[in-house]
Amino acid sequence: MPDWLRVFPRDQIHVIRSEDYFVNRKPVLDDVVEFLGLDPYTRDLIPILTDPVNKIIRNNKHHVAMFNKTRRLLEGFFQPFNDDLDRMLGQQFWVYGL
């Protein structure tokens, strides 16, 4: 992200949390439409864009839960990088211990 921020002003970069996208796509995509300055009618396409993704996710029965020990190890490893990203973007993206 630092390389991108050296080239583009912060107001030209829009970052979304995948957790938010997978939980409730419509408001996230509404924000993207607004950020890009697209015609509000573009929002009518959101169900068309998200329905196939929803079906794939719902039908994916091969998901195995991560071990808590593995999750803590990964959170610990990535926390400094995520904290740096939060500072660079001026908002909190990461919540630990979920």
Protein backbone atom coordinates (compact mmCIF):
# COMPACT_ATOMS: atom_id res chain seq x y z
CA MET A 1 0.00 0.00 0.00
CA PRO A 2 2.79 2.53 0.66
CA ASP A 3 3.84 2.30 -2.99
CA TRP A 4 0.27 2.98 -4.15
CA LEU A 5 -0.07 5.92 -1.76
CA ARG A 6 3.12 7.47 -3.16
CA VAL A 7 1.55 7.47 -6.63
CA PHE A 8 -2.15 8.05 -5.94
CA PRO A 9 -3.79 10.45 -3.49
CA ARG A 10 -5.63 8.72 -0.64
CA ASP A 11 -9.01 9.94 -1.93
CA GLN A 12 -8.45 7.93 -5.13
CA ILE A 13 -8.03 4.63 -3.29
CA HIS A 14 -11.02 2.70 -1.97
CA VAL A 15 -10.35 -0.32 0.21
CA ILE A 16 -13.02 -2.78 1.30
CA ARG A 17 -12.82 -5.51 3.91
CA SER A 18 -13.53 -8.93 2.46
CA GLU A 19 -15.33 -9.78 5.71
CA ASP A 20 -17.82 -6.98 5.04
CA TYR A 21 -18.20 -7.96 1.40
CA PHE A 22 -18.94 -11.60 2.16
CA VAL A 23 -21.39 -10.79 4.95
CA ASN A 24 -23.42 -8.14 3.14
CA ARG A 25 -22.41 -7.37 -0.45
CA LYS A 26 -25.04 -4.80 -1.37
CA PRO A 27 -23.92 -1.92 0.90
CA VAL A 28 -20.27 -2.59 0.06
CA LEU A 29 -20.99 -2.52 -3.67
CA ASP A 30 -23.20 0.58 -3.21
CA ASP A 31 -20.16 2.29 -1.68
CA VAL A 32 -17.99 1.20 -4.61
CA VAL A 33 -20.54 2.55 -7.11
CA GLU A 34 -20.60 5.87 -5.26
CA PHE A 35 -16.78 6.00 -4.91
CA LEU A 36 -16.35 5.43 -8.64
CA GLY A 37 -18.93 8.09 -9.43
CA LEU A 38 -21.00 5.67 -11.47
CA ASP A 39 -24.60 6.28 -12.40
CA PRO A 40 -26.83 5.28 -9.45
CA TYR A 41 -28.75 3.00 -11.82
CA THR A 42 -25.65 0.82 -11.87
CA ARG A 43 -26.87 -0.38 -8.46
CA ASP A 44 -29.60 -2.30 -10.29
CA LEU A 45 -26.85 -4.59 -11.61
CA ILE A 46 -25.63 -5.55 -8.13
CA PRO A 47 -27.96 -8.58 -7.74
CA ILE A 48 -26.87 -9.82 -11.16
CA LEU A 49 -23.22 -9.50 -10.14
CA THR A 50 -23.57 -11.04 -6.69
CA ASP A 51 -26.07 -13.88 -7.16
CA PRO A 52 -23.60 -16.23 -8.90
CA VAL A 53 -21.06 -15.55 -6.13
CA ASN A 54 -23.67 -16.23 -3.46
CA LYS A 55 -24.56 -19.57 -5.04
CA ILE A 56 -20.92 -20.65 -5.19
CA ILE A 57 -20.35 -19.72 -1.55
CA ARG A 58 -23.56 -21.42 -0.35
CA ASN A 59 -22.75 -24.60 -2.27
CA ASN A 60 -19.16 -24.84 -1.06
CA LYS A 61 -19.34 -27.69 1.43
CA HIS A 62 -15.58 -28.28 1.54
CA HIS A 63 -14.77 -25.51 4.02
CA VAL A 64 -12.84 -26.74 7.04
CA ALA A 65 -12.60 -24.55 10.14
CA MET A 66 -9.17 -23.20 10.97
CA PHE A 67 -7.56 -24.36 14.21
CA ASN A 68 -7.61 -21.61 16.87
CA LYS A 69 -3.86 -22.01 17.34
CA THR A 70 -3.31 -21.44 13.62
CA ARG A 71 -5.58 -18.38 13.64
CA ARG A 72 -3.69 -16.84 16.59
CA LEU A 73 -0.35 -17.55 14.91
CA LEU A 74 -1.46 -15.87 11.67
CA GLU A 75 -3.05 -12.92 13.50
CA GLY A 76 0.18 -12.38 15.44
CA PHE A 77 2.28 -12.54 12.29
CA PHE A 78 0.10 -10.15 10.28
CA GLN A 79 -0.85 -7.73 13.08
CA PRO A 80 2.05 -5.28 12.54
CA PHE A 81 1.30 -5.12 8.81
CA ASN A 82 -2.42 -4.69 9.40
CA ASP A 83 -1.74 -1.98 11.99
CA ASP A 84 0.45 -0.16 9.45
CA LEU A 85 -2.35 -0.39 6.89
CA ASP A 86 -4.85 1.01 9.40
CA ARG A 87 -2.54 3.98 10.04
CA MET A 88 -1.92 4.60 6.34
CA LEU A 89 -5.61 4.54 5.48
CA GLY A 90 -6.79 6.38 8.58
CA GLN A 91 -9.37 3.79 9.55
CA GLN A 92 -9.47 0.47 11.34
CA PHE A 93 -9.86 -2.55 9.10
CA TRP A 94 -8.75 -5.32 11.41
CA VAL A 95 -10.46 -6.70 14.49
CA TYR A 96 -8.48 -9.37 16.29
CA GLY A 97 -9.74 -12.24 18.37
CA LEU A 98 -12.99 -12.88 16.54
